[in-house]
Amino acid sequence: MKIKKGDKVKIIKGKDKGKSGKVLQVFPPRNRASIEGLNLLIKHMRPRKQGEKGQRIEFPSALDLSNVLLVCPKCNQSTRVGYKNIEVKVGEKKKTKKIRICKKCKQTVD
C-alpha cells in the first residue's frame, strides 16, 4: 500500500477537499483509510438508563485511498508515491528492500 498508518495526507476530493491530517487506520482489503479529524460522521445515541441524556458522537469515517495524496515530509508538498528497490546487507547476505519515494523530490518517505 502506498499510504500507511501515521502518514500525513491531503484530501483531494469530497467535503473536506484541501484539508490535511494524519492517517489513523488503513483498511487494505477495502482500499480505504481513516484520517484524524476529517470526514467526520455524527452518530446519535439513545439514552440507555432512566434519566440519562442522549448524545451525538462524532467519529472519522474511512475514505477511499484514491481521494488522498501523501504529503512528503521532506519537501512538504502533496505528491504521488513511487517505489525503489535498495540492496541491504544483512550479515553476509544481500537482500532487496522496497522503499517508498516522493515523485517530486525523489527522497525516501520511510
N, C-alpha and C. Protein backbone atom coordinates (compact mmCIF):
# COMPACT_ATOMS: atom_id res chain seq x y z
N MET A 1 0.84 -1.18 0.00
CA MET A 1 0.00 0.00 0.00
C MET A 1 0.88 1.24 0.00
N LYS A 2 0.41 2.25 -0.68
CA LYS A 2 1.20 3.48 -0.80
C LYS A 2 1.01 4.41 0.39
N ILE A 3 -0.11 4.25 1.10
CA ILE A 3 -0.39 5.05 2.29
C ILE A 3 -0.34 4.12 3.50
N LYS A 4 0.35 4.56 4.56
CA LYS A 4 0.47 3.74 5.76
C LYS A 4 0.00 4.54 6.98
N LYS A 5 -0.20 3.83 8.08
CA LYS A 5 -0.62 4.45 9.34
C LYS A 5 0.45 5.43 9.80
N GLY A 6 0.02 6.63 10.21
CA GLY A 6 0.96 7.65 10.68
C GLY A 6 1.39 8.63 9.62
N ASP A 7 1.08 8.38 8.34
CA ASP A 7 1.44 9.30 7.27
C ASP A 7 0.57 10.55 7.33
N LYS A 8 1.11 11.67 6.86
CA LYS A 8 0.33 12.89 6.72
C LYS A 8 -0.19 12.92 5.29
N VAL A 9 -1.49 13.08 5.12
CA VAL A 9 -2.11 13.07 3.80
C VAL A 9 -2.98 14.30 3.59
N LYS A 10 -3.25 14.60 2.32
CA LYS A 10 -4.11 15.71 1.94
C LYS A 10 -5.28 15.15 1.14
N ILE A 11 -6.49 15.62 1.46
CA ILE A 11 -7.69 15.15 0.76
C ILE A 11 -7.87 15.96 -0.52
N ILE A 12 -8.09 15.26 -1.63
CA ILE A 12 -8.22 15.94 -2.93
C ILE A 12 -9.64 15.92 -3.47
N LYS A 13 -10.55 15.13 -2.85
CA LYS A 13 -11.94 15.09 -3.29
C LYS A 13 -12.85 14.98 -2.08
N GLY A 14 -14.07 15.46 -2.22
CA GLY A 14 -15.06 15.30 -1.17
C GLY A 14 -15.31 16.57 -0.38
N LYS A 15 -16.06 16.43 0.72
CA LYS A 15 -16.48 17.60 1.50
C LYS A 15 -15.32 18.26 2.25
N ASP A 16 -14.24 17.54 2.51
CA ASP A 16 -13.08 18.08 3.21
C ASP A 16 -11.91 18.34 2.26
N LYS A 17 -12.21 18.64 1.02
CA LYS A 17 -11.17 18.85 0.00
C LYS A 17 -10.20 19.96 0.42
N GLY A 18 -8.89 19.69 0.29
CA GLY A 18 -7.87 20.66 0.62
C GLY A 18 -7.33 20.56 2.03
N LYS A 19 -8.01 19.83 2.90
CA LYS A 19 -7.57 19.69 4.29
C LYS A 19 -6.58 18.53 4.40
N SER A 20 -5.74 18.59 5.43
CA SER A 20 -4.78 17.52 5.63
C SER A 20 -4.83 17.01 7.06
N GLY A 21 -4.41 15.77 7.25
CA GLY A 21 -4.42 15.16 8.56
C GLY A 21 -3.59 13.90 8.58
N LYS A 22 -3.52 13.29 9.77
CA LYS A 22 -2.72 12.08 9.97
C LYS A 22 -3.60 10.85 9.82
N VAL A 23 -3.06 9.80 9.21
CA VAL A 23 -3.80 8.55 8.99
C VAL A 23 -3.85 7.78 10.31
N LEU A 24 -5.08 7.44 10.74
CA LEU A 24 -5.28 6.68 11.97
C LEU A 24 -5.28 5.18 11.71
N GLN A 25 -5.97 4.76 10.66
CA GLN A 25 -6.11 3.35 10.32
C GLN A 25 -6.13 3.19 8.82
N VAL A 26 -5.63 2.05 8.34
CA VAL A 26 -5.70 1.72 6.92
C VAL A 26 -6.39 0.37 6.80
N PHE A 27 -7.30 0.25 5.85
CA PHE A 27 -8.03 -0.99 5.61
C PHE A 27 -7.68 -1.50 4.21
N PRO A 28 -6.60 -2.30 4.07
CA PRO A 28 -6.13 -2.73 2.76
C PRO A 28 -7.14 -3.52 1.91
N PRO A 29 -7.93 -4.44 2.48
CA PRO A 29 -8.87 -5.17 1.63
C PRO A 29 -9.92 -4.27 0.97
N ARG A 30 -10.30 -3.21 1.68
CA ARG A 30 -11.32 -2.29 1.14
C ARG A 30 -10.71 -1.07 0.48
N ASN A 31 -9.36 -0.93 0.53
CA ASN A 31 -8.64 0.19 -0.08
C ASN A 31 -9.11 1.53 0.48
N ARG A 32 -9.23 1.60 1.81
CA ARG A 32 -9.71 2.80 2.48
C ARG A 32 -8.82 3.15 3.66
N ALA A 33 -8.91 4.42 4.10
CA ALA A 33 -8.14 4.88 5.26
C ALA A 33 -8.98 5.85 6.08
N SER A 34 -8.75 5.84 7.38
CA SER A 34 -9.42 6.76 8.30
C SER A 34 -8.43 7.84 8.69
N ILE A 35 -8.85 9.11 8.57
CA ILE A 35 -7.95 10.24 8.80
C ILE A 35 -8.43 11.05 10.00
N GLU A 36 -7.48 11.44 10.85
CA GLU A 36 -7.77 12.12 12.11
C GLU A 36 -8.46 13.48 11.88
N GLY A 37 -9.67 13.63 12.43
CA GLY A 37 -10.38 14.90 12.40
C GLY A 37 -11.03 15.26 11.08
N LEU A 38 -11.00 14.36 10.09
CA LEU A 38 -11.59 14.65 8.78
C LEU A 38 -12.61 13.59 8.40
N ASN A 39 -13.54 13.98 7.52
CA ASN A 39 -14.64 13.13 7.07
C ASN A 39 -15.43 12.62 8.28
N LEU A 40 -15.78 13.55 9.17
CA LEU A 40 -16.48 13.19 10.40
C LEU A 40 -17.95 12.89 10.15
N LEU A 41 -18.44 11.84 10.77
CA LEU A 41 -19.85 11.49 10.74
C LEU A 41 -20.40 11.63 12.16
N ILE A 42 -21.70 11.85 12.26
CA ILE A 42 -22.34 12.00 13.57
C ILE A 42 -23.27 10.83 13.80
N LYS A 43 -23.10 10.18 14.94
CA LYS A 43 -23.97 9.07 15.32
C LYS A 43 -24.78 9.51 16.53
N HIS A 44 -26.10 9.35 16.47
CA HIS A 44 -26.97 9.73 17.56
C HIS A 44 -27.19 8.51 18.46
N MET A 45 -26.85 8.67 19.75
CA MET A 45 -27.01 7.58 20.71
C MET A 45 -28.23 7.83 21.59
N ARG A 46 -29.06 6.83 21.72
CA ARG A 46 -30.24 6.94 22.58
C ARG A 46 -29.83 6.77 24.03
N PRO A 47 -30.61 7.38 24.93
CA PRO A 47 -30.32 7.16 26.36
C PRO A 47 -30.59 5.70 26.73
N ARG A 48 -29.69 5.09 27.49
CA ARG A 48 -29.82 3.68 27.88
C ARG A 48 -30.48 3.52 29.26
N LYS A 49 -30.18 4.44 30.16
CA LYS A 49 -30.71 4.33 31.52
C LYS A 49 -31.73 5.44 31.77
N GLN A 50 -32.52 5.27 32.80
CA GLN A 50 -33.51 6.28 33.18
C GLN A 50 -32.80 7.55 33.63
N GLY A 51 -33.19 8.68 33.09
CA GLY A 51 -32.62 9.97 33.48
C GLY A 51 -31.37 10.33 32.70
N GLU A 52 -30.83 9.44 31.91
CA GLU A 52 -29.64 9.73 31.11
C GLU A 52 -30.05 10.45 29.84
N LYS A 53 -29.16 11.34 29.34
CA LYS A 53 -29.47 12.08 28.13
C LYS A 53 -28.87 11.38 26.91
N GLY A 54 -29.48 11.63 25.77
CA GLY A 54 -28.94 11.12 24.52
C GLY A 54 -27.71 11.92 24.12
N GLN A 55 -26.92 11.39 23.21
CA GLN A 55 -25.67 12.04 22.81
C GLN A 55 -25.52 12.04 21.29
N ARG A 56 -24.67 12.94 20.84
CA ARG A 56 -24.22 12.94 19.44
C ARG A 56 -22.72 12.65 19.46
N ILE A 57 -22.31 11.57 18.84
CA ILE A 57 -20.90 11.19 18.82
C ILE A 57 -20.35 11.41 17.42
N GLU A 58 -19.25 12.17 17.33
CA GLU A 58 -18.58 12.39 16.04
C GLU A 58 -17.41 11.43 15.94
N PHE A 59 -17.28 10.79 14.78
CA PHE A 59 -16.16 9.89 14.57
C PHE A 59 -15.71 9.97 13.11
N PRO A 60 -14.39 9.77 12.85
CA PRO A 60 -13.89 9.83 11.48
C PRO A 60 -14.26 8.57 10.70
N SER A 61 -14.86 8.77 9.55
CA SER A 61 -15.22 7.66 8.67
C SER A 61 -14.09 7.41 7.67
N ALA A 62 -14.04 6.21 7.14
CA ALA A 62 -12.97 5.85 6.21
C ALA A 62 -13.20 6.47 4.84
N LEU A 63 -12.10 6.93 4.23
CA LEU A 63 -12.11 7.49 2.88
C LEU A 63 -11.46 6.52 1.92
N ASP A 64 -11.82 6.59 0.65
CA ASP A 64 -11.13 5.79 -0.35
C ASP A 64 -9.73 6.37 -0.58
N LEU A 65 -8.74 5.51 -0.77
CA LEU A 65 -7.35 5.96 -0.93
C LEU A 65 -7.12 6.72 -2.23
N SER A 66 -8.03 6.59 -3.19
CA SER A 66 -7.88 7.36 -4.43
C SER A 66 -8.18 8.84 -4.22
N ASN A 67 -8.79 9.19 -3.08
CA ASN A 67 -9.15 10.57 -2.78
C ASN A 67 -8.14 11.29 -1.89
N VAL A 68 -7.01 10.65 -1.60
CA VAL A 68 -5.99 11.27 -0.76
C VAL A 68 -4.62 11.21 -1.43
N LEU A 69 -3.78 12.19 -1.12
CA LEU A 69 -2.40 12.24 -1.59
C LEU A 69 -1.48 12.33 -0.39
N LEU A 70 -0.35 11.66 -0.47
CA LEU A 70 0.65 11.71 0.60
C LEU A 70 1.33 13.07 0.60
N VAL A 71 1.55 13.63 1.79
CA VAL A 71 2.31 14.87 1.93
C VAL A 71 3.74 14.45 2.29
N CYS A 72 4.70 14.80 1.42
CA CYS A 72 6.09 14.41 1.60
C CYS A 72 6.67 15.12 2.83
N PRO A 73 7.31 14.39 3.75
CA PRO A 73 7.88 15.03 4.93
C PRO A 73 9.11 15.89 4.61
N LYS A 74 9.76 15.65 3.48
CA LYS A 74 10.97 16.41 3.12
C LYS A 74 10.63 17.73 2.42
N CYS A 75 9.82 17.65 1.33
CA CYS A 75 9.51 18.86 0.56
C CYS A 75 8.19 19.50 0.98
N ASN A 76 7.41 18.83 1.86
CA ASN A 76 6.15 19.34 2.40
C ASN A 76 5.12 19.67 1.33
N GLN A 77 5.10 18.89 0.25
CA GLN A 77 4.11 19.05 -0.82
C GLN A 77 3.33 17.75 -0.99
N SER A 78 2.08 17.86 -1.44
CA SER A 78 1.32 16.65 -1.71
C SER A 78 1.85 16.05 -3.01
N THR A 79 2.08 14.76 -2.98
CA THR A 79 2.76 14.11 -4.09
C THR A 79 2.29 12.67 -4.28
N ARG A 80 2.59 12.14 -5.46
CA ARG A 80 2.35 10.72 -5.71
C ARG A 80 3.49 9.93 -5.08
N VAL A 81 3.26 8.64 -4.91
CA VAL A 81 4.25 7.78 -4.28
C VAL A 81 4.79 6.79 -5.30
N GLY A 82 6.12 6.65 -5.31
CA GLY A 82 6.76 5.66 -6.15
C GLY A 82 7.52 4.67 -5.29
N TYR A 83 8.06 3.65 -5.92
CA TYR A 83 8.83 2.64 -5.20
C TYR A 83 10.20 2.50 -5.80
N LYS A 84 11.15 2.11 -4.94
CA LYS A 84 12.52 1.89 -5.38
C LYS A 84 13.06 0.70 -4.59
N ASN A 85 13.78 -0.19 -5.28
CA ASN A 85 14.40 -1.34 -4.62
C ASN A 85 15.83 -1.00 -4.25
N ILE A 86 16.19 -1.22 -3.00
CA ILE A 86 17.53 -0.93 -2.50
C ILE A 86 18.10 -2.23 -1.91
N GLU A 87 19.39 -2.47 -2.20
CA GLU A 87 20.03 -3.64 -1.63
C GLU A 87 20.54 -3.32 -0.23
N VAL A 88 20.18 -4.19 0.72
CA VAL A 88 20.58 -4.02 2.11
C VAL A 88 21.40 -5.24 2.49
N LYS A 89 22.53 -5.01 3.14
CA LYS A 89 23.39 -6.11 3.55
C LYS A 89 23.02 -6.55 4.97
N VAL A 90 22.58 -7.81 5.09
CA VAL A 90 22.22 -8.38 6.37
C VAL A 90 23.21 -9.52 6.64
N GLY A 91 24.17 -9.27 7.53
CA GLY A 91 25.22 -10.26 7.78
C GLY A 91 26.09 -10.39 6.54
N GLU A 92 26.11 -11.58 5.95
CA GLU A 92 26.86 -11.79 4.71
C GLU A 92 25.95 -11.82 3.49
N LYS A 93 24.65 -11.85 3.71
CA LYS A 93 23.69 -11.92 2.61
C LYS A 93 23.23 -10.52 2.19
N LYS A 94 22.87 -10.40 0.92
CA LYS A 94 22.30 -9.16 0.42
C LYS A 94 20.82 -9.39 0.16
N LYS A 95 20.00 -8.49 0.66
CA LYS A 95 18.56 -8.54 0.46
C LYS A 95 18.12 -7.27 -0.22
N THR A 96 17.06 -7.36 -1.03
CA THR A 96 16.49 -6.16 -1.63
C THR A 96 15.31 -5.71 -0.79
N LYS A 97 15.25 -4.42 -0.54
CA LYS A 97 14.18 -3.84 0.25
C LYS A 97 13.45 -2.82 -0.61
N LYS A 98 12.12 -2.89 -0.58
CA LYS A 98 11.29 -1.98 -1.37
C LYS A 98 10.93 -0.78 -0.49
N ILE A 99 11.30 0.43 -0.91
CA ILE A 99 11.01 1.63 -0.13
C ILE A 99 10.17 2.60 -0.94
N ARG A 100 9.43 3.46 -0.24
CA ARG A 100 8.60 4.46 -0.91
C ARG A 100 9.42 5.71 -1.16
N ILE A 101 9.19 6.36 -2.31
CA ILE A 101 9.87 7.62 -2.63
C ILE A 101 8.85 8.65 -3.09
N CYS A 102 9.20 9.91 -2.87
CA CYS A 102 8.39 11.05 -3.32
C CYS A 102 8.67 11.25 -4.81
N LYS A 103 7.62 11.41 -5.62
CA LYS A 103 7.79 11.59 -7.07
C LYS A 103 8.29 13.00 -7.41
N LYS A 104 8.15 13.97 -6.49
CA LYS A 104 8.58 15.34 -6.79
C LYS A 104 10.04 15.57 -6.43
N CYS A 105 10.44 15.20 -5.20
CA CYS A 105 11.81 15.49 -4.77
C CYS A 105 12.72 14.26 -4.78
N LYS A 106 12.17 13.09 -5.12
CA LYS A 106 12.92 11.83 -5.23
C LYS A 106 13.58 11.38 -3.93
N GLN A 107 13.08 11.87 -2.77
CA GLN A 107 13.62 11.47 -1.46
C GLN A 107 12.78 10.33 -0.91
N THR A 108 13.38 9.55 0.00
CA THR A 108 12.65 8.44 0.61
C THR A 108 11.63 8.96 1.60
N VAL A 109 10.48 8.30 1.67
CA VAL A 109 9.41 8.70 2.57
C VAL A 109 9.51 7.93 3.89
N ASP A 110 9.92 6.67 3.85
CA ASP A 110 10.02 5.84 5.05
C ASP A 110 11.14 6.26 5.95
